[in-house]
């Protein structure tokens, strides 16, 4: 009698991992910081930024983040235009997000208005390892200081490292041509950071997210960050927008990923289709001037609207392979 022996190899499974980015539109507390220019966002200032308006803002952001998950809240949430640590404590501990158990890291930039970038993370799916704030050499252009670049390194459930970078490029104040050199400087510094990661990682898995204040076809993205093909812009070619200016939608909030993440055989992978702009109905309002819809923002000029943000959030789904034969991830 011939016996056929069946060798059982450990199976692998796919786990979805969602990344969210959102420009919060001035998440300021209502306390005066003598070292920063936060005077607009005080109770007795022209915006009348009271504690009650601040609490509504916190609840609105929490609602938007919760609604942007699938079965659970997003695993990572990048934020920009956050004033300080107190705002994040209120968001993750004293809002509807408190049940999610987010931890966070943020920059402490020299930006004159005091706004920073931050990353919320789920400890069950992203094991924090380290982070750094990368200062921009603004003196080269004789410009006012801008936001630091936030680089966070963590481990996902496959055991692989994931490098996450959150940015908020300088604004277009004064016009595109006048301000472009500053964004190009930040793009070059960001490119150096990406290149350094690629040199030390055997299979670099890099996600860059942020408000670039530039479009996918502008020089900072096309000529600097994505020129060599090592980094791909997942928002390029999307038909919708994240921000509306004078009736025109445009994409200034974007995801860039290392080319290795687009390899479907990688243990961490994604695709162009898995990056999307989230248009939850409650985040939109009718545009009475230009027609169509626009983001339901907190302020329109100095007029308080009580909305969410002047930007729409963007999300990216990663697929992570998990081997059943080994516990790659533990606290």
C-alpha atoms as a PDB file:
ATOM      1  CA  UNK A   1       0.000   0.000   0.000  1.00  0.00           C
ATOM      2  CA  UNK A   2       1.335   3.420  -0.952  1.00  0.00           C
ATOM      3  CA  UNK A   3       0.887   6.210   1.537  1.00  0.00           C
ATOM      4  CA  UNK A   4       0.648   9.825   0.350  1.00  0.00           C
ATOM      5  CA  UNK A   5       1.947  12.245   2.945  1.00  0.00           C
ATOM      6  CA  UNK A   6       0.613  15.774   2.824  1.00  0.00           C
ATOM      7  CA  UNK A   7       3.022  18.383   4.133  1.00  0.00           C
ATOM      8  CA  UNK A   8       1.189  21.260   5.795  1.00  0.00           C
ATOM      9  CA  UNK A   9       2.900  24.604   5.310  1.00  0.00           C
ATOM     10  CA  UNK A  10       2.013  27.575   7.469  1.00  0.00           C
ATOM     11  CA  UNK A  11      -0.693  29.619   5.839  1.00  0.00           C
ATOM     12  CA  UNK A  12      -0.563  33.356   5.478  1.00  0.00           C
ATOM     13  CA  UNK A  13      -3.375  35.836   5.933  1.00  0.00           C
ATOM     14  CA  UNK A  14      -3.941  39.416   4.864  1.00  0.00           C
ATOM     15  CA  UNK A  15      -4.775  42.137   7.320  1.00  0.00           C
ATOM     16  CA  UNK A  16      -6.002  45.545   6.240  1.00  0.00           C
ATOM     17  CA  UNK A  17      -4.273  48.586   7.715  1.00  0.00           C
ATOM     18  CA  UNK A  18      -5.823  52.019   7.191  1.00  0.00           C
ATOM     19  CA  UNK A  19      -3.909  55.295   7.193  1.00  0.00           C
ATOM     20  CA  UNK A  20      -5.724  58.631   7.387  1.00  0.00           C
ATOM     21  CA  UNK A  21      -4.484  62.175   6.886  1.00  0.00           C
ATOM     22  CA  UNK A  22      -6.421  65.338   7.694  1.00  0.00           C
ATOM     23  CA  UNK A  23      -5.603  69.033   7.828  1.00  0.00           C
ATOM     24  CA  UNK A  24      -7.621  70.081  10.882  1.00  0.00           C
ATOM     25  CA  UNK A  25      -7.979  73.793   9.957  1.00  0.00           C
ATOM     26  CA  UNK A  26      -6.514  75.513  12.981  1.00  0.00           C
ATOM     27  CA  UNK A  27      -6.932  73.180  15.920  1.00  0.00           C
ATOM     28  CA  UNK A  28      -6.085  75.771  18.579  1.00  0.00           C
ATOM     29  CA  UNK A  29      -7.000  75.665  22.235  1.00  0.00           C
ATOM     30  CA  UNK A  30      -8.363  78.927  23.662  1.00  0.00           C
ATOM     31  CA  UNK A  31      -5.422  79.700  25.964  1.00  0.00           C
ATOM     32  CA  UNK A  32      -2.822  82.357  25.241  1.00  0.00           C
ATOM     33  CA  UNK A  33       0.697  81.162  24.489  1.00  0.00           C
ATOM     34  CA  UNK A  34       3.010  84.135  24.948  1.00  0.00           C
ATOM     35  CA  UNK A  35       5.672  82.495  22.751  1.00  0.00           C
ATOM     36  CA  UNK A  36       3.397  82.009  19.730  1.00  0.00           C
ATOM     37  CA  UNK A  37       1.176  84.180  17.576  1.00  0.00           C
ATOM     38  CA  UNK A  38      -2.110  82.540  18.592  1.00  0.00           C
ATOM     39  CA  UNK A  39      -3.938  85.793  19.281  1.00  0.00           C
ATOM     40  CA  UNK A  40      -6.686  85.122  16.719  1.00  0.00           C
ATOM     41  CA  UNK A  41      -7.840  82.066  18.646  1.00  0.00           C
ATOM     42  CA  UNK A  42      -8.681  83.526  22.030  1.00  0.00           C
ATOM     43  CA  UNK A  43     -12.129  84.183  23.563  1.00  0.00           C
ATOM     44  CA  UNK A  44     -11.795  87.978  23.383  1.00  0.00           C
ATOM     45  CA  UNK A  45     -10.213  88.032  19.892  1.00  0.00           C
ATOM     46  CA  UNK A  46     -11.960  88.818  16.612  1.00  0.00           C
ATOM     47  CA  UNK A  47     -12.787  85.127  16.039  1.00  0.00           C
ATOM     48  CA  UNK A  48     -14.274  84.772  19.551  1.00  0.00           C
ATOM     49  CA  UNK A  49     -12.682  81.345  19.896  1.00  0.00           C
ATOM     50  CA  UNK A  50     -14.376  80.201  23.096  1.00  0.00           C
ATOM     51  CA  UNK A  51     -14.023  76.967  25.058  1.00  0.00           C
ATOM     52  CA  UNK A  52     -17.411  75.811  23.729  1.00  0.00           C
ATOM     53  CA  UNK A  53     -16.348  76.327  20.111  1.00  0.00           C
ATOM     54  CA  UNK A  54     -13.097  74.510  20.838  1.00  0.00           C
ATOM     55  CA  UNK A  55     -14.961  71.557  22.356  1.00  0.00           C
ATOM     56  CA  UNK A  56     -17.258  71.409  19.321  1.00  0.00           C
ATOM     57  CA  UNK A  57     -14.186  71.368  17.087  1.00  0.00           C
ATOM     58  CA  UNK A  58     -12.696  68.453  19.055  1.00  0.00           C
ATOM     59  CA  UNK A  59     -15.954  66.483  18.804  1.00  0.00           C
ATOM     60  CA  UNK A  60     -16.237  67.200  15.078  1.00  0.00           C
ATOM     61  CA  UNK A  61     -12.717  65.966  14.387  1.00  0.00           C
ATOM     62  CA  UNK A  62     -13.341  62.839  16.463  1.00  0.00           C
ATOM     63  CA  UNK A  63     -16.522  62.152  14.482  1.00  0.00           C
ATOM     64  CA  UNK A  64     -14.677  62.541  11.192  1.00  0.00           C
ATOM     65  CA  UNK A  65     -11.869  60.191  12.252  1.00  0.00           C
ATOM     66  CA  UNK A  66     -14.258  57.522  13.518  1.00  0.00           C
ATOM     67  CA  UNK A  67     -16.320  57.699  10.319  1.00  0.00           C
ATOM     68  CA  UNK A  68     -13.155  57.291   8.248  1.00  0.00           C
ATOM     69  CA  UNK A  69     -12.426  53.802   9.539  1.00  0.00           C
ATOM     70  CA  UNK A  70     -13.819  50.577   8.122  1.00  0.00           C
ATOM     71  CA  UNK A  71     -14.716  48.027  10.803  1.00  0.00           C
ATOM     72  CA  UNK A  72     -12.467  49.863  13.252  1.00  0.00           C
ATOM     73  CA  UNK A  73     -10.941  53.317  13.525  1.00  0.00           C
ATOM     74  CA  UNK A  74      -7.923  54.017  11.284  1.00  0.00           C
ATOM     75  CA  UNK A  75      -4.655  52.472  12.440  1.00  0.00           C
ATOM     76  CA  UNK A  76      -2.711  55.687  11.817  1.00  0.00           C
ATOM     77  CA  UNK A  77      -3.966  59.261  11.661  1.00  0.00           C
ATOM     78  CA  UNK A  78      -1.715  62.063  10.441  1.00  0.00           C
ATOM     79  CA  UNK A  79      -2.823  65.556  11.414  1.00  0.00           C
ATOM     80  CA  UNK A  80      -1.604  69.051  10.691  1.00  0.00           C
ATOM     81  CA  UNK A  81      -2.458  72.536  11.984  1.00  0.00           C
ATOM     82  CA  UNK A  82      -2.457  71.315  15.590  1.00  0.00           C
ATOM     83  CA  UNK A  83      -1.390  73.947  18.119  1.00  0.00           C
ATOM     84  CA  UNK A  84      -0.037  71.843  20.957  1.00  0.00           C
ATOM     85  CA  UNK A  85      -0.009  68.725  23.073  1.00  0.00           C
ATOM     86  CA  UNK A  86      -3.103  69.818  25.012  1.00  0.00           C
ATOM     87  CA  UNK A  87      -5.218  69.687  21.853  1.00  0.00           C
ATOM     88  CA  UNK A  88      -4.149  66.095  21.197  1.00  0.00           C
ATOM     89  CA  UNK A  89      -4.818  65.051  24.789  1.00  0.00           C
ATOM     90  CA  UNK A  90      -8.341  66.462  24.506  1.00  0.00           C
ATOM     91  CA  UNK A  91      -8.819  64.699  21.173  1.00  0.00           C
ATOM     92  CA  UNK A  92      -7.633  61.225  22.183  1.00  0.00           C
ATOM     93  CA  UNK A  93      -8.712  61.177  25.841  1.00  0.00           C
ATOM     94  CA  UNK A  94     -11.697  63.503  26.212  1.00  0.00           C
ATOM     95  CA  UNK A  95     -13.684  63.065  23.020  1.00  0.00           C
ATOM     96  CA  UNK A  96     -15.609  60.201  21.388  1.00  0.00           C
ATOM     97  CA  UNK A  97     -12.162  58.926  20.315  1.00  0.00           C
ATOM     98  CA  UNK A  98     -11.259  57.989  23.904  1.00  0.00           C
ATOM     99  CA  UNK A  99     -12.491  54.409  23.434  1.00  0.00           C
ATOM    100  CA  UNK A 100     -10.051  53.954  20.532  1.00  0.00           C
ATOM    101  CA  UNK A 101      -7.027  54.217  22.825  1.00  0.00           C
ATOM    102  CA  UNK A 102      -4.851  56.209  20.442  1.00  0.00           C
ATOM    103  CA  UNK A 103      -1.330  57.233  21.408  1.00  0.00           C
ATOM    104  CA  UNK A 104       0.420  60.068  19.588  1.00  0.00           C
ATOM    105  CA  UNK A 105       3.656  61.826  18.721  1.00  0.00           C
ATOM    106  CA  UNK A 106       4.013  65.373  17.432  1.00  0.00           C
ATOM    107  CA  UNK A 107       6.575  67.979  16.473  1.00  0.00           C
ATOM    108  CA  UNK A 108       7.481  71.134  18.384  1.00  0.00           C
ATOM    109  CA  UNK A 109       8.190  73.412  15.452  1.00  0.00           C
ATOM    110  CA  UNK A 110       9.384  77.027  15.451  1.00  0.00           C
ATOM    111  CA  UNK A 111       6.404  77.989  13.264  1.00  0.00           C
ATOM    112  CA  UNK A 112       5.367  81.481  14.353  1.00  0.00           C
ATOM    113  CA  UNK A 113       1.690  80.577  14.664  1.00  0.00           C
ATOM    114  CA  UNK A 114       2.593  77.536  16.728  1.00  0.00           C
ATOM    115  CA  UNK A 115       0.980  74.925  14.499  1.00  0.00           C
ATOM    116  CA  UNK A 116       2.488  71.460  14.224  1.00  0.00           C
ATOM    117  CA  UNK A 117       2.031  68.036  12.661  1.00  0.00           C
ATOM    118  CA  UNK A 118       1.174  64.876  14.595  1.00  0.00           C
ATOM    119  CA  UNK A 119       0.584  61.165  14.234  1.00  0.00           C
ATOM    120  CA  UNK A 120      -2.001  59.141  16.163  1.00  0.00           C
ATOM    121  CA  UNK A 121      -1.381  55.392  16.236  1.00  0.00           C
ATOM    122  CA  UNK A 122      -3.097  52.223  17.383  1.00  0.00           C
ATOM    123  CA  UNK A 123      -0.749  50.228  19.607  1.00  0.00           C
ATOM    124  CA  UNK A 124      -2.375  46.941  18.607  1.00  0.00           C
ATOM    125  CA  UNK A 125      -1.407  47.331  14.951  1.00  0.00           C
ATOM    126  CA  UNK A 126       1.561  49.726  15.031  1.00  0.00           C
ATOM    127  CA  UNK A 127       4.325  49.238  17.557  1.00  0.00           C
ATOM    128  CA  UNK A 128       6.020  52.610  17.993  1.00  0.00           C
ATOM    129  CA  UNK A 129       9.822  52.399  17.860  1.00  0.00           C
ATOM    130  CA  UNK A 130      11.148  55.938  17.464  1.00  0.00           C
ATOM    131  CA  UNK A 131      10.546  59.317  15.896  1.00  0.00           C
ATOM    132  CA  UNK A 132      12.402  62.458  14.926  1.00  0.00           C
ATOM    133  CA  UNK A 133      11.489  66.039  14.058  1.00  0.00           C
ATOM    134  CA  UNK A 134      13.391  67.364  11.071  1.00  0.00           C
ATOM    135  CA  UNK A 135      13.983  71.115  11.128  1.00  0.00           C
ATOM    136  CA  UNK A 136      13.832  73.136   7.899  1.00  0.00           C
ATOM    137  CA  UNK A 137      16.795  75.511   7.341  1.00  0.00           C
ATOM    138  CA  UNK A 138      14.606  78.556   6.689  1.00  0.00           C
ATOM    139  CA  UNK A 139      17.534  80.960   7.083  1.00  0.00           C
ATOM    140  CA  UNK A 140      18.783  79.915   3.633  1.00  0.00           C
ATOM    141  CA  UNK A 141      15.878  81.768   2.049  1.00  0.00           C
ATOM    142  CA  UNK A 142      15.474  84.416   4.761  1.00  0.00           C
ATOM    143  CA  UNK A 143      11.991  83.097   5.446  1.00  0.00           C
ATOM    144  CA  UNK A 144       9.997  82.772   8.652  1.00  0.00           C
ATOM    145  CA  UNK A 145      10.265  79.335  10.306  1.00  0.00           C
ATOM    146  CA  UNK A 146       7.901  76.633   9.081  1.00  0.00           C
ATOM    147  CA  UNK A 147       6.683  73.263  10.347  1.00  0.00           C
ATOM    148  CA  UNK A 148       9.126  70.448  11.079  1.00  0.00           C
ATOM    149  CA  UNK A 149       8.873  67.166   9.195  1.00  0.00           C
ATOM    150  CA  UNK A 150       7.733  64.318  11.468  1.00  0.00           C
ATOM    151  CA  UNK A 151       9.338  60.908  10.826  1.00  0.00           C
ATOM    152  CA  UNK A 152       7.948  57.999  12.848  1.00  0.00           C
ATOM    153  CA  UNK A 153       9.214  54.417  12.717  1.00  0.00           C
ATOM    154  CA  UNK A 154       7.036  51.534  13.856  1.00  0.00           C
ATOM    155  CA  UNK A 155       6.568  47.806  13.454  1.00  0.00           C
ATOM    156  CA  UNK A 156       3.438  46.272  11.949  1.00  0.00           C
ATOM    157  CA  UNK A 157       1.973  42.822  12.567  1.00  0.00           C
ATOM    158  CA  UNK A 158       4.121  41.158   9.895  1.00  0.00           C
ATOM    159  CA  UNK A 159       7.208  42.155  11.869  1.00  0.00           C
ATOM    160  CA  UNK A 160       8.290  44.636   9.197  1.00  0.00           C
ATOM    161  CA  UNK A 161       9.251  48.246   9.807  1.00  0.00           C
ATOM    162  CA  UNK A 162       6.978  50.974   8.488  1.00  0.00           C
ATOM    163  CA  UNK A 163       8.421  54.479   8.098  1.00  0.00           C
ATOM    164  CA  UNK A 164       5.702  57.123   8.305  1.00  0.00           C
ATOM    165  CA  UNK A 165       6.393  60.764   7.459  1.00  0.00           C
ATOM    166  CA  UNK A 166       3.931  63.608   8.083  1.00  0.00           C
ATOM    167  CA  UNK A 167       4.438  67.026   6.471  1.00  0.00           C
ATOM    168  CA  UNK A 168       2.837  70.427   6.160  1.00  0.00           C
ATOM    169  CA  UNK A 169       4.617  72.443   3.478  1.00  0.00           C
ATOM    170  CA  UNK A 170       4.760  76.274   3.541  1.00  0.00           C
ATOM    171  CA  UNK A 171       1.656  78.050   2.320  1.00  0.00           C
ATOM    172  CA  UNK A 172       1.117  79.910  -0.940  1.00  0.00           C
ATOM    173  CA  UNK A 173       0.804  83.222   0.873  1.00  0.00           C
ATOM    174  CA  UNK A 174       1.964  85.974  -1.482  1.00  0.00           C
ATOM    175  CA  UNK A 175       1.314  83.815  -4.534  1.00  0.00           C
ATOM    176  CA  UNK A 176       2.617  80.548  -5.965  1.00  0.00           C
ATOM    177  CA  UNK A 177       5.713  81.908  -7.692  1.00  0.00           C
ATOM    178  CA  UNK A 178       6.825  84.011  -4.727  1.00  0.00           C
ATOM    179  CA  UNK A 179       6.431  81.159  -2.228  1.00  0.00           C
ATOM    180  CA  UNK A 180       7.501  78.204  -4.390  1.00  0.00           C
ATOM    181  CA  UNK A 181      11.189  78.319  -3.470  1.00  0.00           C
ATOM    182  CA  UNK A 182      10.311  77.581   0.155  1.00  0.00           C
ATOM    183  CA  UNK A 183       8.275  74.501  -0.745  1.00  0.00           C
ATOM    184  CA  UNK A 184      11.099  73.311  -2.981  1.00  0.00           C
ATOM    185  CA  UNK A 185      13.501  73.646  -0.042  1.00  0.00           C
ATOM    186  CA  UNK A 186      11.208  71.544   2.160  1.00  0.00           C
ATOM    187  CA  UNK A 187      10.791  68.998  -0.641  1.00  0.00           C
ATOM    188  CA  UNK A 188      14.574  68.654  -0.942  1.00  0.00           C
ATOM    189  CA  UNK A 189      14.895  68.108   2.819  1.00  0.00           C
ATOM    190  CA  UNK A 190      12.105  65.540   2.689  1.00  0.00           C
ATOM    191  CA  UNK A 191      13.789  63.780  -0.253  1.00  0.00           C
ATOM    192  CA  UNK A 192      16.997  63.520   1.780  1.00  0.00           C
ATOM    193  CA  UNK A 193      15.041  61.852   4.585  1.00  0.00           C
ATOM    194  CA  UNK A 194      13.412  59.379   2.199  1.00  0.00           C
ATOM    195  CA  UNK A 195      16.735  58.559   0.548  1.00  0.00           C
ATOM    196  CA  UNK A 196      18.376  57.951   3.919  1.00  0.00           C
ATOM    197  CA  UNK A 197      15.644  55.466   4.860  1.00  0.00           C
ATOM    198  CA  UNK A 198      16.075  53.645   1.546  1.00  0.00           C
ATOM    199  CA  UNK A 199      19.779  53.278   2.198  1.00  0.00           C
ATOM    200  CA  UNK A 200      19.336  51.536   5.559  1.00  0.00           C
ATOM    201  CA  UNK A 201      16.241  49.390   4.878  1.00  0.00           C
ATOM    202  CA  UNK A 202      16.520  46.225   2.798  1.00  0.00           C
ATOM    203  CA  UNK A 203      12.842  46.483   1.790  1.00  0.00           C
ATOM    204  CA  UNK A 204      11.825  50.063   2.611  1.00  0.00           C
ATOM    205  CA  UNK A 205       8.131  50.575   3.345  1.00  0.00           C
ATOM    206  CA  UNK A 206       7.604  54.329   3.417  1.00  0.00           C
ATOM    207  CA  UNK A 207       4.351  56.296   3.594  1.00  0.00           C
ATOM    208  CA  UNK A 208       4.548  60.083   3.286  1.00  0.00           C
ATOM    209  CA  UNK A 209       1.368  62.024   3.929  1.00  0.00           C
ATOM    210  CA  UNK A 210       0.517  65.655   4.335  1.00  0.00           C
ATOM    211  CA  UNK A 211      -0.651  68.995   3.071  1.00  0.00           C
ATOM    212  CA  UNK A 212       1.913  69.897   0.409  1.00  0.00           C
ATOM    213  CA  UNK A 213       0.295  73.213  -0.580  1.00  0.00           C
ATOM    214  CA  UNK A 214       1.220  72.100  -4.091  1.00  0.00           C
ATOM    215  CA  UNK A 215      -0.513  69.949  -6.689  1.00  0.00           C
ATOM    216  CA  UNK A 216       0.841  66.632  -8.053  1.00  0.00           C
ATOM    217  CA  UNK A 217       2.101  68.382 -11.205  1.00  0.00           C
ATOM    218  CA  UNK A 218       4.003  71.127  -9.338  1.00  0.00           C
ATOM    219  CA  UNK A 219       7.800  71.128  -9.134  1.00  0.00           C
ATOM    220  CA  UNK A 220       8.118  70.119  -5.468  1.00  0.00           C
ATOM    221  CA  UNK A 221       6.360  66.828  -6.191  1.00  0.00           C
ATOM    222  CA  UNK A 222       7.038  66.124  -9.859  1.00  0.00           C
ATOM    223  CA  UNK A 223      10.616  67.423 -10.145  1.00  0.00           C
ATOM    224  CA  UNK A 224      11.945  66.720  -6.639  1.00  0.00           C
ATOM    225  CA  UNK A 225      10.104  64.042  -4.695  1.00  0.00           C
ATOM    226  CA  UNK A 226       8.915  61.762  -7.505  1.00  0.00           C
ATOM    227  CA  UNK A 227      11.519  62.464 -10.170  1.00  0.00           C
ATOM    228  CA  UNK A 228      13.599  59.285  -9.740  1.00  0.00           C
ATOM    229  CA  UNK A 229      10.635  56.906  -9.481  1.00  0.00           C
ATOM    230  CA  UNK A 230      11.585  55.596  -6.033  1.00  0.00           C
ATOM    231  CA  UNK A 231       8.535  57.352  -4.618  1.00  0.00           C
ATOM    232  CA  UNK A 232       5.099  57.270  -6.247  1.00  0.00           C
ATOM    233  CA  UNK A 233       2.320  59.834  -5.767  1.00  0.00           C
ATOM    234  CA  UNK A 234      -0.928  57.915  -5.238  1.00  0.00           C
ATOM    235  CA  UNK A 235      -3.075  61.036  -5.611  1.00  0.00           C
ATOM    236  CA  UNK A 236      -1.891  61.858  -9.111  1.00  0.00           C
ATOM    237  CA  UNK A 237      -4.750  61.625 -11.582  1.00  0.00           C
ATOM    238  CA  UNK A 238      -7.531  61.561  -9.002  1.00  0.00           C
ATOM    239  CA  UNK A 239     -10.588  63.377 -10.329  1.00  0.00           C
ATOM    240  CA  UNK A 240     -11.837  64.777  -7.032  1.00  0.00           C
ATOM    241  CA  UNK A 241     -10.136  67.291  -4.747  1.00  0.00           C
ATOM    242  CA  UNK A 242      -9.293  67.812  -1.095  1.00  0.00           C
ATOM    243  CA  UNK A 243      -9.488  71.603  -1.050  1.00  0.00           C
ATOM    244  CA  UNK A 244     -11.621  74.098  -2.958  1.00  0.00           C
ATOM    245  CA  UNK A 245     -10.311  77.505  -3.943  1.00  0.00           C
ATOM    246  CA  UNK A 246     -12.524  79.973  -5.800  1.00  0.00           C
ATOM    247  CA  UNK A 247     -14.861  77.230  -6.921  1.00  0.00           C
ATOM    248  CA  UNK A 248     -12.128  74.870  -8.169  1.00  0.00           C
ATOM    249  CA  UNK A 249     -11.293  71.583  -6.451  1.00  0.00           C
ATOM    250  CA  UNK A 250      -7.623  70.653  -6.235  1.00  0.00           C
ATOM    251  CA  UNK A 251      -5.504  67.991  -4.556  1.00  0.00           C
ATOM    252  CA  UNK A 252      -2.958  69.433  -2.150  1.00  0.00           C
ATOM    253  CA  UNK A 253      -3.303  66.684   0.495  1.00  0.00           C
ATOM    254  CA  UNK A 254      -1.453  63.643  -0.798  1.00  0.00           C
ATOM    255  CA  UNK A 255       0.026  60.216  -0.120  1.00  0.00           C
ATOM    256  CA  UNK A 256       3.451  59.294  -1.465  1.00  0.00           C
ATOM    257  CA  UNK A 257       4.746  55.751  -1.036  1.00  0.00           C
ATOM    258  CA  UNK A 258       7.985  53.926  -1.705  1.00  0.00           C
ATOM    259  CA  UNK A 259       7.925  51.904  -4.913  1.00  0.00           C
ATOM    260  CA  UNK A 260       8.311  48.658  -2.931  1.00  0.00           C
ATOM    261  CA  UNK A 261       4.834  49.153  -1.463  1.00  0.00           C
ATOM    262  CA  UNK A 262       3.352  48.821  -4.943  1.00  0.00           C
ATOM    263  CA  UNK A 263       4.767  45.316  -5.343  1.00  0.00           C
ATOM    264  CA  UNK A 264       1.820  42.997  -4.679  1.00  0.00           C
ATOM    265  CA  UNK A 265       4.240  40.303  -3.524  1.00  0.00           C
ATOM    266  CA  UNK A 266       5.585  42.457  -0.690  1.00  0.00           C
ATOM    267  CA  UNK A 267       4.492  41.677   2.862  1.00  0.00           C
ATOM    268  CA  UNK A 268       3.240  45.273   3.027  1.00  0.00           C
ATOM    269  CA  UNK A 269       1.611  46.485  -0.154  1.00  0.00           C
ATOM    270  CA  UNK A 270      -0.943  48.871  -1.551  1.00  0.00           C
ATOM    271  CA  UNK A 271      -2.120  50.224  -4.903  1.00  0.00           C
ATOM    272  CA  UNK A 272      -3.284  53.408  -6.573  1.00  0.00           C
ATOM    273  CA  UNK A 273      -6.927  52.412  -6.099  1.00  0.00           C
ATOM    274  CA  UNK A 274      -6.516  52.121  -2.333  1.00  0.00           C
ATOM    275  CA  UNK A 275      -5.822  55.829  -1.901  1.00  0.00           C
ATOM    276  CA  UNK A 276      -8.982  57.876  -1.760  1.00  0.00           C
ATOM    277  CA  UNK A 277     -10.473  61.224  -0.861  1.00  0.00           C
ATOM    278  CA  UNK A 278     -13.183  60.836   1.770  1.00  0.00           C
ATOM    279  CA  UNK A 279     -16.342  62.770   0.998  1.00  0.00           C
ATOM    280  CA  UNK A 280     -18.535  62.036   3.986  1.00  0.00           C
ATOM    281  CA  UNK A 281     -21.766  64.026   3.488  1.00  0.00           C
ATOM    282  CA  UNK A 282     -21.440  65.747   6.876  1.00  0.00           C
ATOM    283  CA  UNK A 283     -18.036  67.147   5.824  1.00  0.00           C
ATOM    284  CA  UNK A 284     -19.586  69.043   2.894  1.00  0.00           C
ATOM    285  CA  UNK A 285     -21.892  72.004   2.426  1.00  0.00           C
ATOM    286  CA  UNK A 286     -23.439  73.752  -0.537  1.00  0.00           C
ATOM    287  CA  UNK A 287     -21.303  76.345  -2.292  1.00  0.00           C
ATOM    288  CA  UNK A 288     -23.736  79.226  -2.749  1.00  0.00           C
ATOM    289  CA  UNK A 289     -21.259  81.350  -4.718  1.00  0.00           C
ATOM    290  CA  UNK A 290     -19.787  78.903  -7.239  1.00  0.00           C
ATOM    291  CA  UNK A 291     -22.261  76.039  -7.142  1.00  0.00           C
ATOM    292  CA  UNK A 292     -21.683  72.417  -6.208  1.00  0.00           C
ATOM    293  CA  UNK A 293     -20.285  71.580  -2.795  1.00  0.00           C
ATOM    294  CA  UNK A 294     -17.302  72.564  -0.686  1.00  0.00           C
ATOM    295  CA  UNK A 295     -15.796  71.534   2.656  1.00  0.00           C
ATOM    296  CA  UNK A 296     -17.910  72.400   5.693  1.00  0.00           C
ATOM    297  CA  UNK A 297     -15.255  74.419   7.454  1.00  0.00           C
ATOM    298  CA  UNK A 298     -14.976  75.908  10.943  1.00  0.00           C
ATOM    299  CA  UNK A 299     -14.635  79.496   9.734  1.00  0.00           C
ATOM    300  CA  UNK A 300     -15.324  81.269   6.472  1.00  0.00           C
ATOM    301  CA  UNK A 301     -13.057  84.266   6.860  1.00  0.00           C
ATOM    302  CA  UNK A 302     -13.978  85.579  10.293  1.00  0.00           C
ATOM    303  CA  UNK A 303     -17.488  84.120  10.193  1.00  0.00           C
ATOM    304  CA  UNK A 304     -17.946  81.109  12.442  1.00  0.00           C
ATOM    305  CA  UNK A 305     -19.696  78.206  10.687  1.00  0.00           C
ATOM    306  CA  UNK A 306     -19.095  75.449  13.232  1.00  0.00           C
ATOM    307  CA  UNK A 307     -17.993  72.863  10.673  1.00  0.00           C
ATOM    308  CA  UNK A 308     -15.127  70.400  10.501  1.00  0.00           C
ATOM    309  CA  UNK A 309     -12.272  71.613   8.295  1.00  0.00           C
ATOM    310  CA  UNK A 310     -11.539  73.454   5.068  1.00  0.00           C
ATOM    311  CA  UNK A 311      -9.849  70.252   3.828  1.00  0.00           C
ATOM    312  CA  UNK A 312     -11.276  66.800   3.207  1.00  0.00           C
ATOM    313  CA  UNK A 313      -9.430  63.837   4.737  1.00  0.00           C
ATOM    314  CA  UNK A 314      -7.640  61.256   2.618  1.00  0.00           C
ATOM    315  CA  UNK A 315      -7.181  57.555   3.375  1.00  0.00           C
ATOM    316  CA  UNK A 316      -4.866  54.785   2.243  1.00  0.00           C
ATOM    317  CA  UNK A 317      -5.339  51.053   2.792  1.00  0.00           C
ATOM    318  CA  UNK A 318      -2.319  48.799   3.141  1.00  0.00           C
ATOM    319  CA  UNK A 319      -2.456  45.004   3.006  1.00  0.00           C
ATOM    320  CA  UNK A 320      -0.150  43.267   5.464  1.00  0.00           C
ATOM    321  CA  UNK A 321       0.704  39.572   5.223  1.00  0.00           C
ATOM    322  CA  UNK A 322       0.637  37.668   8.502  1.00  0.00           C
ATOM    323  CA  UNK A 323       2.248  34.257   8.861  1.00  0.00           C
ATOM    324  CA  UNK A 324       0.379  31.858  11.138  1.00  0.00           C
ATOM    325  CA  UNK A 325       3.545  30.029  12.165  1.00  0.00           C
ATOM    326  CA  UNK A 326       5.170  32.906  14.012  1.00  0.00           C
ATOM    327  CA  UNK A 327       4.107  35.704  16.304  1.00  0.00           C
ATOM    328  CA  UNK A 328       5.902  38.608  14.658  1.00  0.00           C
ATOM    329  CA  UNK A 329       4.378  41.324  16.786  1.00  0.00           C
ATOM    330  CA  UNK A 330       4.160  41.689  20.522  1.00  0.00           C
ATOM    331  CA  UNK A 331       4.030  44.496  23.014  1.00  0.00           C
END
